[in-house]
């Protein structure tokens, strides 16, 4: 049972690390959150998809929101946002 917990913890940590990497690379002003314009510099993203990912409706995507929506947020990127 401990091994399953460790595997889940490692998966969550890796998922969070990738989300943090995406935010850090795409975040032009260093505020640790992404605007639609910042994402559009590297990805083709509609406002409706951005708004769907913005769960707290503050107009920005934080690390948790990026991690949750990563499959559709970064699906149409011109380049890998981790390598920008």
N, C-alpha and C. Protein backbone atom coordinates (compact mmCIF):
# COMPACT_ATOMS: atom_id res chain seq x y z
N UNK A 1 0.82 -1.19 0.00
CA UNK A 1 0.00 0.00 0.00
C UNK A 1 0.87 1.26 0.00
N UNK A 2 2.00 1.20 0.71
CA UNK A 2 2.90 2.36 0.74
C UNK A 2 3.48 2.64 -0.64
N UNK A 3 3.71 1.59 -1.42
CA UNK A 3 4.26 1.77 -2.76
C UNK A 3 3.28 2.50 -3.66
N UNK A 4 2.00 2.18 -3.55
CA UNK A 4 0.98 2.85 -4.34
C UNK A 4 0.94 4.33 -3.99
N UNK A 5 1.00 4.64 -2.70
CA UNK A 5 1.01 6.04 -2.26
C UNK A 5 2.22 6.78 -2.77
N UNK A 6 3.36 6.12 -2.77
CA UNK A 6 4.59 6.74 -3.27
C UNK A 6 4.50 7.01 -4.76
N UNK A 7 3.96 6.06 -5.51
CA UNK A 7 3.79 6.25 -6.96
C UNK A 7 2.86 7.41 -7.23
N UNK A 8 1.75 7.48 -6.51
CA UNK A 8 0.81 8.59 -6.69
C UNK A 8 1.45 9.92 -6.33
N UNK A 9 2.22 9.96 -5.27
CA UNK A 9 2.91 11.19 -4.87
C UNK A 9 3.91 11.61 -5.95
N UNK A 10 4.65 10.66 -6.50
CA UNK A 10 5.62 10.98 -7.55
C UNK A 10 4.91 11.49 -8.80
N UNK A 11 3.77 10.88 -9.16
CA UNK A 11 3.01 11.33 -10.33
C UNK A 11 2.51 12.75 -10.12
N UNK A 12 1.96 13.03 -8.94
CA UNK A 12 1.45 14.37 -8.65
C UNK A 12 2.58 15.40 -8.69
N UNK A 13 3.72 15.06 -8.11
CA UNK A 13 4.86 15.98 -8.10
C UNK A 13 5.34 16.26 -9.52
N UNK A 14 5.40 15.22 -10.36
CA UNK A 14 5.83 15.42 -11.74
C UNK A 14 4.83 16.27 -12.50
N UNK A 15 3.56 16.03 -12.29
CA UNK A 15 2.52 16.81 -12.95
C UNK A 15 2.60 18.27 -12.55
N UNK A 16 2.79 18.52 -11.26
CA UNK A 16 2.92 19.89 -10.77
C UNK A 16 4.18 20.55 -11.32
N UNK A 17 5.27 19.81 -11.39
CA UNK A 17 6.52 20.36 -11.91
C UNK A 17 6.36 20.79 -13.36
N UNK A 18 5.69 19.98 -14.17
CA UNK A 18 5.47 20.35 -15.57
C UNK A 18 4.59 21.59 -15.68
N UNK A 19 3.58 21.69 -14.83
CA UNK A 19 2.71 22.87 -14.85
C UNK A 19 3.50 24.11 -14.45
N UNK A 20 4.34 23.99 -13.43
CA UNK A 20 5.17 25.12 -13.00
C UNK A 20 6.11 25.52 -14.13
N UNK A 21 6.70 24.53 -14.83
CA UNK A 21 7.59 24.82 -15.95
C UNK A 21 6.85 25.59 -17.04
N UNK A 22 5.64 25.15 -17.38
CA UNK A 22 4.87 25.83 -18.42
C UNK A 22 4.57 27.27 -18.02
N UNK A 23 4.15 27.45 -16.78
CA UNK A 23 3.84 28.81 -16.32
C UNK A 23 5.09 29.66 -16.36
N UNK A 24 6.19 29.15 -15.85
CA UNK A 24 7.43 29.94 -15.80
C UNK A 24 7.91 30.34 -17.19
N UNK A 25 7.79 29.46 -18.15
CA UNK A 25 8.28 29.73 -19.50
C UNK A 25 7.38 30.71 -20.25
N UNK A 26 6.07 30.55 -20.12
CA UNK A 26 5.12 31.37 -20.88
C UNK A 26 4.85 32.70 -20.19
N UNK A 27 5.03 32.76 -18.88
CA UNK A 27 4.73 33.95 -18.08
C UNK A 27 5.75 35.06 -18.35
N UNK A 28 5.37 36.04 -19.16
CA UNK A 28 6.30 37.10 -19.58
C UNK A 28 6.60 38.12 -18.49
N UNK A 29 5.65 38.38 -17.59
CA UNK A 29 5.88 39.42 -16.58
C UNK A 29 6.26 38.85 -15.22
N UNK A 30 6.38 37.54 -15.09
CA UNK A 30 6.86 36.93 -13.86
C UNK A 30 5.92 36.96 -12.68
N UNK A 31 4.62 37.05 -12.94
CA UNK A 31 3.66 37.10 -11.82
C UNK A 31 3.10 35.73 -11.44
N UNK A 32 3.65 34.66 -12.03
CA UNK A 32 3.26 33.28 -11.74
C UNK A 32 1.83 32.95 -12.10
N UNK A 33 1.29 33.66 -13.06
CA UNK A 33 -0.02 33.35 -13.61
C UNK A 33 -0.02 33.77 -15.06
N UNK A 34 -0.88 33.12 -15.85
CA UNK A 34 -0.89 33.34 -17.29
C UNK A 34 -2.14 34.07 -17.74
N UNK A 35 -1.94 35.00 -18.64
CA UNK A 35 -3.08 35.65 -19.30
C UNK A 35 -3.30 34.96 -20.65
N UNK A 36 -4.44 35.22 -21.24
CA UNK A 36 -4.72 34.67 -22.56
C UNK A 36 -3.69 35.16 -23.57
N UNK A 37 -3.31 36.42 -23.47
CA UNK A 37 -2.32 36.98 -24.41
C UNK A 37 -0.97 36.30 -24.27
N UNK A 38 -0.55 36.01 -23.04
CA UNK A 38 0.74 35.33 -22.84
C UNK A 38 0.71 33.95 -23.47
N UNK A 39 -0.38 33.22 -23.29
CA UNK A 39 -0.47 31.89 -23.87
C UNK A 39 -0.52 31.96 -25.39
N UNK A 40 -1.23 32.94 -25.92
CA UNK A 40 -1.36 33.06 -27.37
C UNK A 40 -0.04 33.38 -28.06
N UNK A 41 0.97 33.81 -27.33
CA UNK A 41 2.27 34.04 -27.95
C UNK A 41 2.93 32.74 -28.39
N UNK A 42 2.55 31.63 -27.76
CA UNK A 42 3.14 30.34 -28.12
C UNK A 42 2.11 29.30 -28.54
N UNK A 43 0.83 29.57 -28.29
CA UNK A 43 -0.22 28.58 -28.58
C UNK A 43 -1.43 29.24 -29.22
N UNK A 44 -2.10 28.48 -30.05
CA UNK A 44 -3.37 28.93 -30.60
C UNK A 44 -4.44 28.49 -29.60
N UNK A 45 -5.06 29.45 -28.92
CA UNK A 45 -6.02 29.13 -27.87
C UNK A 45 -7.19 30.09 -27.94
N UNK A 46 -8.38 29.53 -27.93
CA UNK A 46 -9.58 30.38 -27.97
C UNK A 46 -9.87 30.93 -26.58
N UNK A 47 -10.57 32.05 -26.57
CA UNK A 47 -10.97 32.65 -25.29
C UNK A 47 -11.89 31.72 -24.52
N UNK A 48 -12.73 30.97 -25.21
CA UNK A 48 -13.65 30.06 -24.51
C UNK A 48 -12.90 28.94 -23.80
N UNK A 49 -11.85 28.40 -24.41
CA UNK A 49 -11.05 27.38 -23.74
C UNK A 49 -10.30 27.97 -22.54
N UNK A 50 -9.76 29.17 -22.72
CA UNK A 50 -9.08 29.84 -21.61
C UNK A 50 -10.06 30.04 -20.46
N UNK A 51 -11.24 30.53 -20.76
CA UNK A 51 -12.24 30.78 -19.72
C UNK A 51 -12.69 29.50 -19.04
N UNK A 52 -12.75 28.40 -19.79
CA UNK A 52 -13.11 27.12 -19.19
C UNK A 52 -12.04 26.65 -18.20
N UNK A 53 -10.79 26.93 -18.50
CA UNK A 53 -9.69 26.54 -17.62
C UNK A 53 -9.58 27.45 -16.41
N UNK A 54 -10.04 28.68 -16.55
CA UNK A 54 -9.97 29.67 -15.47
C UNK A 54 -11.08 29.40 -14.45
N UNK A 55 -10.86 28.43 -13.60
CA UNK A 55 -11.89 27.96 -12.66
C UNK A 55 -12.32 29.01 -11.65
N UNK A 56 -11.40 29.87 -11.21
CA UNK A 56 -11.79 30.89 -10.22
C UNK A 56 -12.22 32.20 -10.87
N UNK A 57 -12.25 32.22 -12.19
CA UNK A 57 -12.76 33.36 -12.98
C UNK A 57 -12.09 34.70 -12.64
N UNK A 58 -10.76 34.64 -12.42
CA UNK A 58 -10.03 35.88 -12.13
C UNK A 58 -9.35 36.47 -13.36
N UNK A 59 -9.49 35.80 -14.52
CA UNK A 59 -8.88 36.30 -15.74
C UNK A 59 -7.45 35.85 -15.95
N UNK A 60 -6.96 34.99 -15.07
CA UNK A 60 -5.60 34.46 -15.15
C UNK A 60 -5.66 32.95 -14.92
N UNK A 61 -4.62 32.25 -15.36
CA UNK A 61 -4.49 30.84 -15.04
C UNK A 61 -3.32 30.66 -14.09
N UNK A 62 -3.58 30.06 -12.94
CA UNK A 62 -2.51 29.76 -11.99
C UNK A 62 -1.98 28.36 -12.27
N UNK A 63 -1.00 27.92 -11.50
CA UNK A 63 -0.36 26.62 -11.73
C UNK A 63 -1.39 25.49 -11.66
N UNK A 64 -2.28 25.54 -10.69
CA UNK A 64 -3.28 24.48 -10.54
C UNK A 64 -4.19 24.42 -11.77
N UNK A 65 -4.61 25.57 -12.25
CA UNK A 65 -5.49 25.61 -13.43
C UNK A 65 -4.76 25.14 -14.68
N UNK A 66 -3.48 25.46 -14.81
CA UNK A 66 -2.69 24.99 -15.95
C UNK A 66 -2.53 23.48 -15.88
N UNK A 67 -2.24 22.96 -14.69
CA UNK A 67 -2.08 21.52 -14.53
C UNK A 67 -3.38 20.80 -14.88
N UNK A 68 -4.51 21.32 -14.44
CA UNK A 68 -5.80 20.69 -14.70
C UNK A 68 -6.16 20.73 -16.18
N UNK A 69 -5.87 21.83 -16.86
CA UNK A 69 -6.28 21.99 -18.25
C UNK A 69 -5.20 21.76 -19.27
N UNK A 70 -4.08 21.18 -18.89
CA UNK A 70 -2.92 21.09 -19.79
C UNK A 70 -3.20 20.37 -21.10
N UNK A 71 -4.10 19.39 -21.09
CA UNK A 71 -4.35 18.62 -22.33
C UNK A 71 -4.93 19.49 -23.43
N UNK A 72 -5.83 20.38 -23.08
CA UNK A 72 -6.42 21.21 -24.13
C UNK A 72 -5.81 22.60 -24.21
N UNK A 73 -5.18 23.08 -23.15
CA UNK A 73 -4.57 24.41 -23.19
C UNK A 73 -3.37 24.45 -24.13
N UNK A 74 -2.56 23.41 -24.10
CA UNK A 74 -1.32 23.41 -24.86
C UNK A 74 -1.33 22.44 -26.04
N UNK A 75 -2.52 22.00 -26.44
CA UNK A 75 -2.64 21.06 -27.55
C UNK A 75 -2.29 21.67 -28.89
N UNK A 76 -2.51 22.97 -29.07
CA UNK A 76 -2.27 23.62 -30.36
C UNK A 76 -1.11 24.62 -30.30
N UNK A 77 -0.07 24.23 -29.62
CA UNK A 77 1.09 25.11 -29.50
C UNK A 77 1.96 25.04 -30.75
N UNK A 78 2.49 26.19 -31.13
CA UNK A 78 3.44 26.25 -32.24
C UNK A 78 4.74 25.56 -31.84
N UNK A 79 5.09 25.71 -30.57
CA UNK A 79 6.30 25.10 -30.02
C UNK A 79 5.94 24.57 -28.64
N UNK A 80 6.78 23.71 -28.10
CA UNK A 80 6.59 23.20 -26.75
C UNK A 80 6.83 24.36 -25.78
N UNK A 81 5.81 24.77 -24.99
CA UNK A 81 5.98 25.91 -24.11
C UNK A 81 7.06 25.72 -23.06
N UNK A 82 7.48 24.50 -22.83
CA UNK A 82 8.56 24.27 -21.88
C UNK A 82 9.92 24.61 -22.48
N UNK A 83 9.95 24.82 -23.81
CA UNK A 83 11.22 25.07 -24.50
C UNK A 83 11.28 26.47 -25.11
N UNK A 84 10.35 27.32 -24.76
CA UNK A 84 10.32 28.69 -25.33
C UNK A 84 11.41 29.50 -24.69
